[in-house]
Structure formats: C-alpha cells, structure tokens
C-alpha atoms as a PDB file:
ATOM      1  CA  MET A   1      -5.393  20.243   5.533  1.00  0.00           C
ATOM      2  CA  GLY A   2      -8.058  22.436   7.076  1.00  0.00           C
ATOM      3  CA  ASN A   3      -6.590  25.699   5.751  1.00  0.00           C
ATOM      4  CA  LEU A   4      -6.275  24.251   2.273  1.00  0.00           C
ATOM      5  CA  LEU A   5      -9.780  22.804   2.140  1.00  0.00           C
ATOM      6  CA  LYS A   6     -12.069  25.512   3.480  1.00  0.00           C
ATOM      7  CA  VAL A   7     -14.855  24.713   1.068  1.00  0.00           C
ATOM      8  CA  LEU A   8     -17.818  24.116   3.351  1.00  0.00           C
ATOM      9  CA  THR A   9     -20.840  26.247   2.407  1.00  0.00           C
ATOM     10  CA  ARG A  10     -24.357  26.800   3.666  1.00  0.00           C
ATOM     11  CA  GLU A  11     -25.618  24.604   0.839  1.00  0.00           C
ATOM     12  CA  ILE A  12     -24.266  21.555   2.653  1.00  0.00           C
ATOM     13  CA  GLU A  13     -26.515  22.206   5.621  1.00  0.00           C
ATOM     14  CA  ASN A  14     -29.555  22.091   3.313  1.00  0.00           C
ATOM     15  CA  CYS A  15     -28.646  18.720   1.761  1.00  0.00           C
ATOM     16  CA  PRO A  16     -30.792  15.683   2.579  1.00  0.00           C
ATOM     17  CA  HIS A  17     -29.451  13.514   5.374  1.00  0.00           C
ATOM     18  CA  PHE A  18     -27.543  10.377   4.357  1.00  0.00           C
ATOM     19  CA  PHE A  19     -26.696   8.064   7.216  1.00  0.00           C
ATOM     20  CA  LEU A  20     -23.212   6.665   7.451  1.00  0.00           C
ATOM     21  CA  ASP A  21     -21.750   5.843  10.844  1.00  0.00           C
ATOM     22  CA  PHE A  22     -18.395   7.571  10.525  1.00  0.00           C
ATOM     23  CA  GLU A  23     -17.498   6.812  14.139  1.00  0.00           C
ATOM     24  CA  ARG A  24     -17.983   3.089  13.537  1.00  0.00           C
ATOM     25  CA  VAL A  25     -15.776   3.275  10.445  1.00  0.00           C
ATOM     26  CA  TRP A  26     -13.101   5.159  12.383  1.00  0.00           C
ATOM     27  CA  ASN A  27     -13.120   2.540  15.154  1.00  0.00           C
ATOM     28  CA  GLN A  28     -12.882  -0.347  12.686  1.00  0.00           C
ATOM     29  CA  VAL A  29     -10.008   1.234  10.781  1.00  0.00           C
ATOM     30  CA  ASN A  30      -8.255   2.249  13.993  1.00  0.00           C
ATOM     31  CA  ALA A  31      -8.234  -1.373  15.135  1.00  0.00           C
ATOM     32  CA  VAL A  32      -6.361  -2.264  11.947  1.00  0.00           C
ATOM     33  CA  LEU A  33      -3.940   0.643  12.181  1.00  0.00           C
ATOM     34  CA  GLN A  34      -3.073  -0.244  15.771  1.00  0.00           C
ATOM     35  CA  ASP A  35      -1.592  -3.502  14.490  1.00  0.00           C
ATOM     36  CA  SER A  36       0.312  -1.885  11.626  1.00  0.00           C
ATOM     37  CA  GLU A  37       3.400  -0.974  13.662  1.00  0.00           C
ATOM     38  CA  ASN A  38       3.703  -4.571  14.877  1.00  0.00           C
ATOM     39  CA  VAL A  39       3.599  -5.737  11.263  1.00  0.00           C
ATOM     40  CA  LEU A  40       6.344  -3.299  10.292  1.00  0.00           C
ATOM     41  CA  THR A  41       8.429  -4.252  13.321  1.00  0.00           C
ATOM     42  CA  GLY A  42       8.065  -7.915  12.400  1.00  0.00           C
ATOM     43  CA  LEU A  43       9.051  -7.255   8.801  1.00  0.00           C
ATOM     44  CA  GLN A  44      11.994  -5.092   9.821  1.00  0.00           C
ATOM     45  CA  ALA A  45      13.268  -7.884  12.076  1.00  0.00           C
ATOM     46  CA  TYR A  46      12.800 -10.551   9.391  1.00  0.00           C
ATOM     47  CA  LYS A  47      16.223 -12.118   8.824  1.00  0.00           C
ATOM     48  CA  GLY A  48      15.291 -15.189   6.815  1.00  0.00           C
ATOM     49  CA  ALA A  49      16.852 -18.635   6.698  1.00  0.00           C
ATOM     50  CA  VAL A  50      19.441 -17.974   4.010  1.00  0.00           C
ATOM     51  CA  GLN A  51      22.250 -19.944   5.641  1.00  0.00           C
ATOM     52  CA  GLU A  52      20.122 -22.970   6.551  1.00  0.00           C
ATOM     53  CA  ILE A  53      18.604 -23.149   3.068  1.00  0.00           C
ATOM     54  CA  ARG A  54      21.994 -22.821   1.378  1.00  0.00           C
ATOM     55  CA  GLU A  55      23.455 -25.668   3.425  1.00  0.00           C
ATOM     56  CA  ALA A  56      20.430 -27.883   2.796  1.00  0.00           C
ATOM     57  CA  ILE A  57      20.614 -27.306  -0.961  1.00  0.00           C
ATOM     58  CA  GLN A  58      24.364 -27.945  -1.050  1.00  0.00           C
ATOM     59  CA  ASN A  59      23.968 -31.179   0.944  1.00  0.00           C
ATOM     60  CA  PRO A  60      20.761 -32.811  -0.355  1.00  0.00           C
ATOM     61  CA  ASN A  61      21.502 -36.172   1.284  1.00  0.00           C
ATOM     62  CA  ASP A  62      22.137 -34.793   4.760  1.00  0.00           C
ATOM     63  CA  ILE A  63      18.846 -35.399   6.586  1.00  0.00           C
ATOM     64  CA  HIS A  64      19.953 -33.326   9.570  1.00  0.00           C
ATOM     65  CA  LEU A  65      20.570 -30.251   7.404  1.00  0.00           C
ATOM     66  CA  GLN A  66      17.254 -30.786   5.592  1.00  0.00           C
ATOM     67  CA  GLU A  67      15.400 -30.857   8.909  1.00  0.00           C
ATOM     68  CA  GLN A  68      17.353 -27.866  10.182  1.00  0.00           C
ATOM     69  CA  ALA A  69      16.380 -25.792   7.134  1.00  0.00           C
ATOM     70  CA  TRP A  70      12.754 -26.919   7.297  1.00  0.00           C
ATOM     71  CA  ASN A  71      12.491 -26.092  10.996  1.00  0.00           C
ATOM     72  CA  ALA A  72      14.026 -22.676  10.351  1.00  0.00           C
ATOM     73  CA  VAL A  73      11.660 -21.871   7.452  1.00  0.00           C
ATOM     74  CA  CYS A  74       8.358 -22.994   9.004  1.00  0.00           C
ATOM     75  CA  PRO A  75       8.067 -20.251  11.665  1.00  0.00           C
ATOM     76  CA  LEU A  76       9.073 -17.702   9.023  1.00  0.00           C
ATOM     77  CA  VAL A  77       6.262 -18.864   6.757  1.00  0.00           C
ATOM     78  CA  ILE A  78       3.849 -18.389   9.667  1.00  0.00           C
ATOM     79  CA  LYS A  79       5.089 -14.790   9.948  1.00  0.00           C
ATOM     80  CA  LEU A  80       4.609 -14.280   6.228  1.00  0.00           C
ATOM     81  CA  LYS A  81       1.075 -15.591   6.568  1.00  0.00           C
ATOM     82  CA  ARG A  82       0.372 -13.030   9.306  1.00  0.00           C
ATOM     83  CA  PHE A  83       1.612 -10.232   7.023  1.00  0.00           C
ATOM     84  CA  TYR A  84      -0.582 -11.516   4.192  1.00  0.00           C
ATOM     85  CA  GLU A  85      -3.629 -11.738   6.452  1.00  0.00           C
ATOM     86  CA  PHE A  86      -3.009  -8.169   7.543  1.00  0.00           C
ATOM     87  CA  SER A  87      -3.152  -7.090   3.898  1.00  0.00           C
ATOM     88  CA  LEU A  88      -6.713  -8.485   3.730  1.00  0.00           C
ATOM     89  CA  ARG A  89      -7.713  -6.453   6.768  1.00  0.00           C
ATOM     90  CA  LEU A  90      -6.092  -3.379   5.251  1.00  0.00           C
ATOM     91  CA  GLU A  91      -8.024  -3.936   2.034  1.00  0.00           C
ATOM     92  CA  LYS A  92     -11.360  -3.886   3.888  1.00  0.00           C
ATOM     93  CA  ALA A  93     -10.318  -0.838   5.897  1.00  0.00           C
ATOM     94  CA  LEU A  94      -9.439   1.073   2.748  1.00  0.00           C
ATOM     95  CA  GLN A  95     -12.756   0.262   1.113  1.00  0.00           C
ATOM     96  CA  SER A  96     -14.645   1.430   4.219  1.00  0.00           C
ATOM     97  CA  LEU A  97     -12.756   4.717   4.106  1.00  0.00           C
ATOM     98  CA  LEU A  98     -13.404   5.145   0.394  1.00  0.00           C
ATOM     99  CA  GLU A  99     -17.105   4.637   1.006  1.00  0.00           C
ATOM    100  CA  SER A 100     -17.060   7.234   3.768  1.00  0.00           C
ATOM    101  CA  LEU A 101     -15.048   9.809   1.827  1.00  0.00           C
ATOM    102  CA  THR A 102     -16.955   9.560  -1.458  1.00  0.00           C
ATOM    103  CA  CYS A 103     -20.611   9.099  -0.437  1.00  0.00           C
ATOM    104  CA  PRO A 104     -23.252  11.745  -1.280  1.00  0.00           C
ATOM    105  CA  PRO A 105     -24.320  14.429  -0.635  1.00  0.00           C
ATOM    106  CA  TYR A 106     -20.874  15.900  -0.032  1.00  0.00           C
ATOM    107  CA  THR A 107     -18.174  16.288  -2.646  1.00  0.00           C
ATOM    108  CA  PRO A 108     -14.893  14.470  -1.971  1.00  0.00           C
ATOM    109  CA  THR A 109     -13.226  17.792  -1.121  1.00  0.00           C
ATOM    110  CA  GLN A 110     -15.957  18.566   1.383  1.00  0.00           C
ATOM    111  CA  HIS A 111     -15.573  15.084   2.868  1.00  0.00           C
ATOM    112  CA  LEU A 112     -11.837  15.592   3.349  1.00  0.00           C
ATOM    113  CA  GLU A 113     -12.581  18.772   5.278  1.00  0.00           C
ATOM    114  CA  LYS A 114     -15.573  17.421   7.188  1.00  0.00           C
ATOM    115  CA  GLU A 115     -14.152  13.993   8.097  1.00  0.00           C
ATOM    116  CA  GLN A 116     -10.521  14.882   8.700  1.00  0.00           C
ATOM    117  CA  ALA A 117     -10.075  12.015  11.148  1.00  0.00           C
ATOM    118  CA  LEU A 118     -11.003   9.537   8.397  1.00  0.00           C
ATOM    119  CA  ALA A 119      -8.816  11.366   5.879  1.00  0.00           C
ATOM    120  CA  LYS A 120      -5.894  11.027   8.282  1.00  0.00           C
ATOM    121  CA  GLN A 121      -6.573   7.292   8.616  1.00  0.00           C
ATOM    122  CA  PHE A 122      -6.545   7.019   4.830  1.00  0.00           C
ATOM    123  CA  ALA A 123      -3.173   8.780   4.842  1.00  0.00           C
ATOM    124  CA  GLU A 124      -1.853   6.471   7.587  1.00  0.00           C
ATOM    125  CA  ILE A 125      -2.845   3.402   5.568  1.00  0.00           C
ATOM    126  CA  LEU A 126      -0.913   4.707   2.562  1.00  0.00           C
ATOM    127  CA  HIS A 127       2.050   5.622   4.774  1.00  0.00           C
ATOM    128  CA  PHE A 128       2.114   2.090   6.184  1.00  0.00           C
ATOM    129  CA  THR A 129       1.740   0.560   2.714  1.00  0.00           C
ATOM    130  CA  LEU A 130       4.716   2.400   1.218  1.00  0.00           C
ATOM    131  CA  ARG A 131       6.845   1.593   4.280  1.00  0.00           C
ATOM    132  CA  PHE A 132       5.929  -2.098   4.121  1.00  0.00           C
ATOM    133  CA  ASP A 133       6.715  -2.357   0.428  1.00  0.00           C
ATOM    134  CA  GLU A 134      10.022  -0.502   0.800  1.00  0.00           C
ATOM    135  CA  LEU A 135      11.096  -3.003   3.471  1.00  0.00           C
ATOM    136  CA  LYS A 136       9.876  -5.970   1.446  1.00  0.00           C
ATOM    137  CA  MET A 137      11.785  -4.883  -1.673  1.00  0.00           C
ATOM    138  CA  ARG A 138      14.995  -4.687   0.346  1.00  0.00           C
ATOM    139  CA  ASN A 139      14.623  -8.194   1.755  1.00  0.00           C
ATOM    140  CA  PRO A 140      15.137 -10.939  -0.855  1.00  0.00           C
ATOM    141  CA  ALA A 141      15.055 -13.536   1.937  1.00  0.00           C
ATOM    142  CA  ILE A 142      11.248 -13.332   1.927  1.00  0.00           C
ATOM    143  CA  GLN A 143      10.937 -14.651  -1.626  1.00  0.00           C
ATOM    144  CA  ASN A 144      13.767 -17.116  -1.041  1.00  0.00           C
ATOM    145  CA  ASP A 145      12.212 -18.563   2.124  1.00  0.00           C
ATOM    146  CA  PHE A 146       8.745 -18.938   0.649  1.00  0.00           C
ATOM    147  CA  SER A 147      10.027 -20.469  -2.587  1.00  0.00           C
ATOM    148  CA  TYR A 148      12.008 -23.015  -0.568  1.00  0.00           C
ATOM    149  CA  TYR A 149       8.899 -23.796   1.461  1.00  0.00           C
ATOM    150  CA  ARG A 150       6.818 -24.405  -1.672  1.00  0.00           C
ATOM    151  CA  ARG A 151       9.513 -26.599  -3.242  1.00  0.00           C
ATOM    152  CA  THR A 152      10.129 -28.608  -0.100  1.00  0.00           C
ATOM    153  CA  ILE A 153       6.694 -29.328   1.320  1.00  0.00           C
ATOM    154  CA  SER A 154       5.773 -32.015  -1.236  1.00  0.00           C
ATOM    155  CA  ARG A 155       9.055 -33.831  -0.679  1.00  0.00           C
ATOM    156  CA  ASN A 156       8.553 -33.662   3.067  1.00  0.00           C
ATOM    157  CA  ARG A 157       5.142 -35.295   2.753  1.00  0.00           C
ATOM    158  CA  ILE A 158       6.857 -38.234   1.087  1.00  0.00           C
ATOM    159  CA  ASN A 159       9.531 -38.340   3.794  1.00  0.00           C
ATOM    160  CA  ASN A 160       6.937 -38.117   6.606  1.00  0.00           C
ATOM    161  CA  MET A 161       8.599 -35.051   8.085  1.00  0.00           C
ATOM    162  CA  ASN A 162       6.808 -32.675  10.477  1.00  0.00           C
ATOM    163  CA  LEU A 163       3.946 -31.081   8.540  1.00  0.00           C
ATOM    164  CA  ASP A 164       2.050 -29.382  11.373  1.00  0.00           C
ATOM    165  CA  ILE A 165       2.472 -26.173   9.411  1.00  0.00           C
ATOM    166  CA  GLU A 166      -0.183 -27.336   6.936  1.00  0.00           C
ATOM    167  CA  HIS A 167      -2.799 -26.628   9.596  1.00  0.00           C
ATOM    168  CA  GLU A 168      -1.673 -23.006   9.358  1.00  0.00           C
ATOM    169  CA  VAL A 169      -0.696 -22.741   5.688  1.00  0.00           C
ATOM    170  CA  ASN A 170      -2.641 -25.179   3.539  1.00  0.00           C
ATOM    171  CA  ASN A 171      -2.203 -25.416  -0.216  1.00  0.00           C
ATOM    172  CA  GLU A 172      -4.854 -22.805  -1.016  1.00  0.00           C
ATOM    173  CA  MET A 173      -3.351 -20.322   1.430  1.00  0.00           C
ATOM    174  CA  ALA A 174       0.146 -21.001   0.069  1.00  0.00           C
ATOM    175  CA  ASN A 175      -1.043 -20.260  -3.474  1.00  0.00           C
ATOM    176  CA  ARG A 176      -2.564 -16.931  -2.420  1.00  0.00           C
ATOM    177  CA  MET A 177       0.525 -15.993  -0.435  1.00  0.00           C
ATOM    178  CA  SER A 178       2.715 -16.895  -3.388  1.00  0.00           C
ATOM    179  CA  LEU A 179       0.833 -14.477  -5.644  1.00  0.00           C
ATOM    180  CA  PHE A 180       1.028 -11.781  -2.963  1.00  0.00           C
ATOM    181  CA  TYR A 181       4.784 -12.023  -2.381  1.00  0.00           C
ATOM    182  CA  ALA A 182       5.536 -12.349  -6.094  1.00  0.00           C
ATOM    183  CA  GLU A 183       4.593  -8.670  -6.424  1.00  0.00           C
ATOM    184  CA  ALA A 184       7.407  -6.148  -6.074  1.00  0.00           C
ATOM    185  CA  THR A 185       5.052  -3.967  -3.991  1.00  0.00           C
ATOM    186  CA  PRO A 186       2.443  -6.379  -2.612  1.00  0.00           C
ATOM    187  CA  MET A 187       0.618  -3.974  -0.283  1.00  0.00           C
ATOM    188  CA  LEU A 188       0.290  -1.314  -2.982  1.00  0.00           C
ATOM    189  CA  LYS A 189      -1.001  -3.957  -5.374  1.00  0.00           C
ATOM    190  CA  THR A 190      -3.563  -5.014  -2.760  1.00  0.00           C
ATOM    191  CA  LEU A 191      -4.783  -1.443  -2.267  1.00  0.00           C
ATOM    192  CA  SER A 192      -4.840  -0.769  -6.010  1.00  0.00           C
ATOM    193  CA  ASN A 193      -6.996  -3.846  -6.532  1.00  0.00           C
ATOM    194  CA  ALA A 194      -9.212  -2.837  -3.607  1.00  0.00           C
ATOM    195  CA  THR A 195      -9.747   0.643  -5.054  1.00  0.00           C
ATOM    196  CA  THR A 196     -10.503  -0.770  -8.510  1.00  0.00           C
ATOM    197  CA  ALA A 197     -12.975  -3.224  -6.965  1.00  0.00           C
ATOM    198  CA  PHE A 198     -14.607  -0.427  -4.971  1.00  0.00           C
ATOM    199  CA  VAL A 199     -15.206   1.578  -8.150  1.00  0.00           C
ATOM    200  CA  SER A 200     -16.547  -1.385 -10.135  1.00  0.00           C
ATOM    201  CA  GLU A 201     -18.837  -2.542  -7.312  1.00  0.00           C
ATOM    202  CA  ASN A 202     -20.330   0.933  -6.762  1.00  0.00           C
ATOM    203  CA  LYS A 203     -21.545   1.719 -10.261  1.00  0.00           C
ATOM    204  CA  THR A 204     -24.165   4.205  -9.008  1.00  0.00           C
ATOM    205  CA  LEU A 205     -21.397   6.304  -7.483  1.00  0.00           C
ATOM    206  CA  PRO A 206     -19.799   8.673 -10.012  1.00  0.00           C
ATOM    207  CA  LEU A 207     -16.198   7.707 -10.729  1.00  0.00           C
ATOM    208  CA  GLU A 208     -15.236  11.339 -10.134  1.00  0.00           C
ATOM    209  CA  ASN A 209     -16.152  10.977  -6.469  1.00  0.00           C
ATOM    210  CA  THR A 210     -13.265   8.543  -6.064  1.00  0.00           C
ATOM    211  CA  THR A 211     -10.758  10.148  -8.430  1.00  0.00           C
ATOM    212  CA  ASP A 212     -11.411  13.641  -7.052  1.00  0.00           C
ATOM    213  CA  CYS A 213     -10.824  12.379  -3.513  1.00  0.00           C
ATOM    214  CA  LEU A 214      -7.470  10.912  -4.568  1.00  0.00           C
ATOM    215  CA  SER A 215      -6.372  13.876  -6.694  1.00  0.00           C
ATOM    216  CA  THR A 216      -7.279  16.336  -3.933  1.00  0.00           C
ATOM    217  CA  MET A 217      -5.154  14.436  -1.426  1.00  0.00           C
ATOM    218  CA  ALA A 218      -2.260  14.377  -3.911  1.00  0.00           C
ATOM    219  CA  SER A 219      -2.583  18.122  -4.464  1.00  0.00           C
ATOM    220  CA  VAL A 220      -2.671  18.879  -0.739  1.00  0.00           C
ATOM    221  CA  CYS A 221       0.490  16.821  -0.175  1.00  0.00           C
ATOM    222  CA  LYS A 222       2.275  18.480  -3.113  1.00  0.00           C
ATOM    223  CA  VAL A 223       1.425  21.974  -1.857  1.00  0.00           C
ATOM    224  CA  MET A 224       2.634  21.101   1.635  1.00  0.00           C
ATOM    225  CA  LEU A 225       5.905  19.682   0.281  1.00  0.00           C
ATOM    226  CA  GLU A 226       6.703  22.573  -2.046  1.00  0.00           C
ATOM    227  CA  THR A 227       5.695  25.388   0.329  1.00  0.00           C
ATOM    228  CA  PRO A 228       8.412  26.443   2.787  1.00  0.00           C
ATOM    229  CA  ASP A 229       5.808  27.757   5.235  1.00  0.00           C
ATOM    230  CA  TYR A 230       4.523  24.191   5.610  1.00  0.00           C
ATOM    231  CA  THR A 231       7.779  22.232   5.438  1.00  0.00           C
ATOM    232  CA  SER A 232       9.342  24.497   8.056  1.00  0.00           C
ATOM    233  CA  ARG A 233       6.662  23.311  10.473  1.00  0.00           C
ATOM    234  CA  PHE A 234       7.414  19.622   9.950  1.00  0.00           C
ATOM    235  CA  ASN A 235       8.887  18.487  13.247  1.00  0.00           C
ATOM    236  CA  SER A 236      10.911  15.605  11.814  1.00  0.00           C
ATOM    237  CA  GLU A 237      12.144  13.980   8.628  1.00  0.00           C
ATOM    238  CA  GLU A 238       9.552  11.249   9.231  1.00  0.00           C
ATOM    239  CA  THR A 239       6.766  13.838   8.846  1.00  0.00           C
ATOM    240  CA  LEU A 240       8.225  14.822   5.481  1.00  0.00           C
ATOM    241  CA  LEU A 241       8.409  11.163   4.448  1.00  0.00           C
ATOM    242  CA  PHE A 242       4.833  10.653   5.625  1.00  0.00           C
ATOM    243  CA  CYS A 243       3.639  13.397   3.291  1.00  0.00           C
ATOM    244  CA  MET A 244       5.657  12.040   0.351  1.00  0.00           C
ATOM    245  CA  ARG A 245       4.433   8.490   0.848  1.00  0.00           C
ATOM    246  CA  VAL A 246       0.808   9.585   1.015  1.00  0.00           C
ATOM    247  CA  MET A 247       1.219  11.622  -2.177  1.00  0.00           C
ATOM    248  CA  VAL A 248       2.769   8.701  -4.056  1.00  0.00           C
ATOM    249  CA  GLY A 249       0.163   6.294  -2.697  1.00  0.00           C
ATOM    250  CA  VAL A 250      -2.839   8.316  -3.879  1.00  0.00           C
ATOM    251  CA  ILE A 251      -1.200   8.902  -7.278  1.00  0.00           C
ATOM    252  CA  ILE A 252      -0.866   5.142  -7.755  1.00  0.00           C
ATOM    253  CA  LEU A 253      -4.475   4.491  -6.707  1.00  0.00           C
ATOM    254  CA  TYR A 254      -5.684   7.286  -9.012  1.00  0.00           C
ATOM    255  CA  ASP A 255      -3.678   5.838 -11.892  1.00  0.00           C
ATOM    256  CA  HIS A 256      -5.309   2.444 -11.427  1.00  0.00           C
ATOM    257  CA  VAL A 257      -8.916   3.648 -11.356  1.00  0.00           C
ATOM    258  CA  HIS A 258      -8.980   6.625 -13.725  1.00  0.00           C
ATOM    259  CA  PRO A 259      -9.550   5.511 -17.344  1.00  0.00           C
ATOM    260  CA  ALA A 260      -6.859   7.877 -18.642  1.00  0.00           C
ATOM    261  CA  GLY A 261      -4.470   7.346 -15.727  1.00  0.00           C
ATOM    262  CA  ALA A 262      -2.504   9.841 -13.673  1.00  0.00           C
ATOM    263  CA  PHE A 263       0.117  10.862 -16.230  1.00  0.00           C
ATOM    264  CA  THR A 264      -2.007  12.200 -19.087  1.00  0.00           C
ATOM    265  CA  LYS A 265      -2.269  15.952 -19.683  1.00  0.00           C
ATOM    266  CA  SER A 266      -5.929  15.838 -18.636  1.00  0.00           C
ATOM    267  CA  SER A 267      -5.066  14.339 -15.240  1.00  0.00           C
ATOM    268  CA  ARG A 268      -6.332  16.195 -12.180  1.00  0.00           C
ATOM    269  CA  ILE A 269      -2.920  15.575 -10.615  1.00  0.00           C
ATOM    270  CA  ASP A 270       0.048  17.814 -11.405  1.00  0.00           C
ATOM    271  CA  MET A 271       2.440  14.950 -12.066  1.00  0.00           C
ATOM    272  CA  LYS A 272       5.350  17.174 -13.074  1.00  0.00           C
ATOM    273  CA  GLY A 273       4.996  19.103  -9.837  1.00  0.00           C
ATOM    274  CA  CYS A 274       4.700  15.926  -7.749  1.00  0.00           C
ATOM    275  CA  ILE A 275       7.758  14.322  -9.320  1.00  0.00           C
ATOM    276  CA  LYS A 276       9.694  17.569  -8.992  1.00  0.00           C
ATOM    277  CA  VAL A 277       9.123  17.846  -5.226  1.00  0.00           C
ATOM    278  CA  LEU A 278      10.183  14.232  -4.811  1.00  0.00           C
ATOM    279  CA  LYS A 279      13.392  14.715  -6.777  1.00  0.00           C
ATOM    280  CA  GLU A 280      14.278  17.737  -4.665  1.00  0.00           C
ATOM    281  CA  GLN A 281      14.587  15.462  -1.619  1.00  0.00           C
ATOM    282  CA  PRO A 282      17.678  13.387  -0.702  1.00  0.00           C
ATOM    283  CA  ALA A 283      17.961  10.426  -3.081  1.00  0.00           C
ATOM    284  CA  ASP A 284      17.986   7.844  -0.278  1.00  0.00           C
ATOM    285  CA  ASN A 285      14.607   9.116   0.957  1.00  0.00           C
ATOM    286  CA  VAL A 286      12.815   8.957  -2.374  1.00  0.00           C
ATOM    287  CA  GLU A 287      14.412   6.123  -4.345  1.00  0.00           C
ATOM    288  CA  GLY A 288      11.716   3.659  -3.257  1.00  0.00           C
ATOM    289  CA  LEU A 289       8.937   6.184  -3.931  1.00  0.00           C
ATOM    290  CA  LEU A 290      10.202   6.986  -7.429  1.00  0.00           C
ATOM    291  CA  ASN A 291      10.505   3.255  -8.115  1.00  0.00           C
ATOM    292  CA  ALA A 292       6.911   2.799  -6.956  1.00  0.00           C
ATOM    293  CA  LEU A 293       5.793   5.401  -9.521  1.00  0.00           C
ATOM    294  CA  LYS A 294       7.871   3.678 -12.206  1.00  0.00           C
ATOM    295  CA  PHE A 295       6.882   0.096 -11.557  1.00  0.00           C
ATOM    296  CA  THR A 296       3.514   0.103  -9.749  1.00  0.00           C
ATOM    297  CA  THR A 297       1.567   2.591 -11.852  1.00  0.00           C
ATOM    298  CA  LYS A 298      -0.404   1.355 -14.836  1.00  0.00           C
ATOM    299  CA  SER A 299      -0.188   4.096 -17.451  1.00  0.00           C
ATOM    300  CA  LEU A 300       3.331   5.532 -17.204  1.00  0.00           C
ATOM    301  CA  ASN A 301       4.339   3.944 -20.517  1.00  0.00           C
ATOM    302  CA  ALA A 302       1.067   4.713 -22.279  1.00  0.00           C
ATOM    303  CA  GLU A 303       1.159   6.781 -25.474  1.00  0.00           C
ATOM    304  CA  THR A 304      -0.831   9.510 -23.707  1.00  0.00           C
ATOM    305  CA  THR A 305       1.941  10.087 -21.171  1.00  0.00           C
ATOM    306  CA  PRO A 306       4.067  13.114 -22.120  1.00  0.00           C
ATOM    307  CA  LYS A 307       7.677  12.240 -22.881  1.00  0.00           C
ATOM    308  CA  THR A 308       8.831  14.901 -20.424  1.00  0.00           C
ATOM    309  CA  ILE A 309       7.164  13.052 -17.540  1.00  0.00           C
ATOM    310  CA  ARG A 310       8.632   9.706 -18.584  1.00  0.00           C
ATOM    311  CA  ALA A 311      12.051  11.368 -18.788  1.00  0.00           C
ATOM    312  CA  MET A 312      11.665  12.723 -15.246  1.00  0.00           C
ATOM    313  CA  LEU A 313      11.272   9.176 -13.927  1.00  0.00           C
ATOM    314  CA  GLN A 314      14.148   7.611 -15.880  1.00  0.00           C
END
C-alpha cells in the first residue's frame, strides 16, 4: 500500500494538531481480531443437530427424543450467541477504525498511508467478515437449529423441561439473534449498519472522508489484483483471497453510505474493473464474493446502475 499511496506532503506537517490515540485504537481492535480465528474455527466446526431435530419432529410423542433434541440444540444456541456477541464487538471496532481513518486534518488517503497498521486492521476485519458469511451461507443447520430452539422453548416451559439456557439466551437476546441469523450475510449487514450509523452520527465530518477512505481501499486492492507485478509476490492463494475479500467488503460499505451507491457512473470505484478481476479468478474462489455483491449491496438494481454492470453480475 505504501508505494501506491505516497501522498504525504510538507503541508501535513503544518496542520494543527488533532489528538487521537491511534495506539489505543490499535490495541482495542487487536483484542477483537485475536478472537476472530476462534470464531471462524467454531463456525467451521459447527455441525448442527439435524438428525436429533428430525427424529424429534417425526416422533412428537416420544419424550426421550424431544429431550435428546433439546439437549443437542441448547449448547449450539450458546455458540450462536457467542458469534452474535462477537459481531457487536466487531461493530465497535470498525467504528473506532473509521473514526481514526477519517478524522481531520488528514485526508483519508493520507490516513491510509500514515496509519497503515490501522488500515491493515480494517482490512483484516473485512477479511474475517467475508469468511464468516461464506461459512454461514453454506451451513443451513444454523438457521434450522435456531428456528427449532425458538419454536420449542415455549412448549418446554409448559412441560417443565430444563430451561437453564434462558439465563444465557433470554427472549430479548433470542429476538436479536433471530434478526441477525435471518440475514444471508449477517456480519456484512452488521458492518454496513455500523458504517451507516457512523456517518449519520458524525454530521460535522464530510461524507467524502468516509467514502474516499473506502473507495481508495477498493482501488488499491483492484490495482494489486490486476497487476502481475503484485500478484506474483503473493505467497499463497489465501493472500489473493484476502485482497479480494477486502475489495468486496469496502465496495459494499461504500454502496451503503454513498447516496448514489457504488454502481453509478459517478462512483469513485471502478466497478467494471473490480468485477472483472474477480471473474478472472477460479469460480470456486469468487462465487461467494460475487453473490455478496449481488445480494448485499443496496443499489445494484437501481435505475442509475449501468446495464453492463448488472449483466456482469448475472
């Protein structure tokens, strides 16, 4: 990123001093990121209670099977709660990074050069988010387990079955979790909402500070992906995927906060170029990313979106 963003000038040194403890922000975000791999490992290992639920539904009068299904689902619901709670921590981390990367007196591009450690954390959050949502979309057991839990808990109250789980997942928490897991891409939705809230709550901050930060990151990723000199230095396929996920993530955030969206001709993001570099990759690597652009963006189907771009994502 450094070679692409050499924009620091002497004028920056003459700007008035604005205090923001970037080290504190980095430490706070790092504490969240350190837990992200455990979340992904837990989600990857999530097998669900498909068999137990099926048998319980097929044999509604068999108390043993009902208890067996309930006892299988409860610890899974606790796991799902942990994932949901992590999304709240991720939301706060993202907003802290946005504040750091958009505050005056620097431009967003200058911030990305000056605070590269924070920019990398931003990228790591997006990388995690796309990975989480890809795994979630491939695991229908999550929705199935939680739906069974919601349907069953009232009946179990009547039957005086073990309801210790309500200390962990009360009705209010269950409602919030239900909304979260109902989303096809729940982590992306969380970050999109967090970015929108950040913009609306910081009305004195020019919107361009946020959108320029996002569009610059998208442009950097696109250049790296389409330039052989850069891709030849990637030491693994995972590095390539990292770059693609970050690019898609910032496009989606940009689309949610920019009034005209990411797909219009006036967009600061070269959407044709971004889609093109994705479609040049193996289909298995980018199917989830292309689906995220199709189904998680806000303005793809707007009248202002060129038909050529819509056709590229069909």
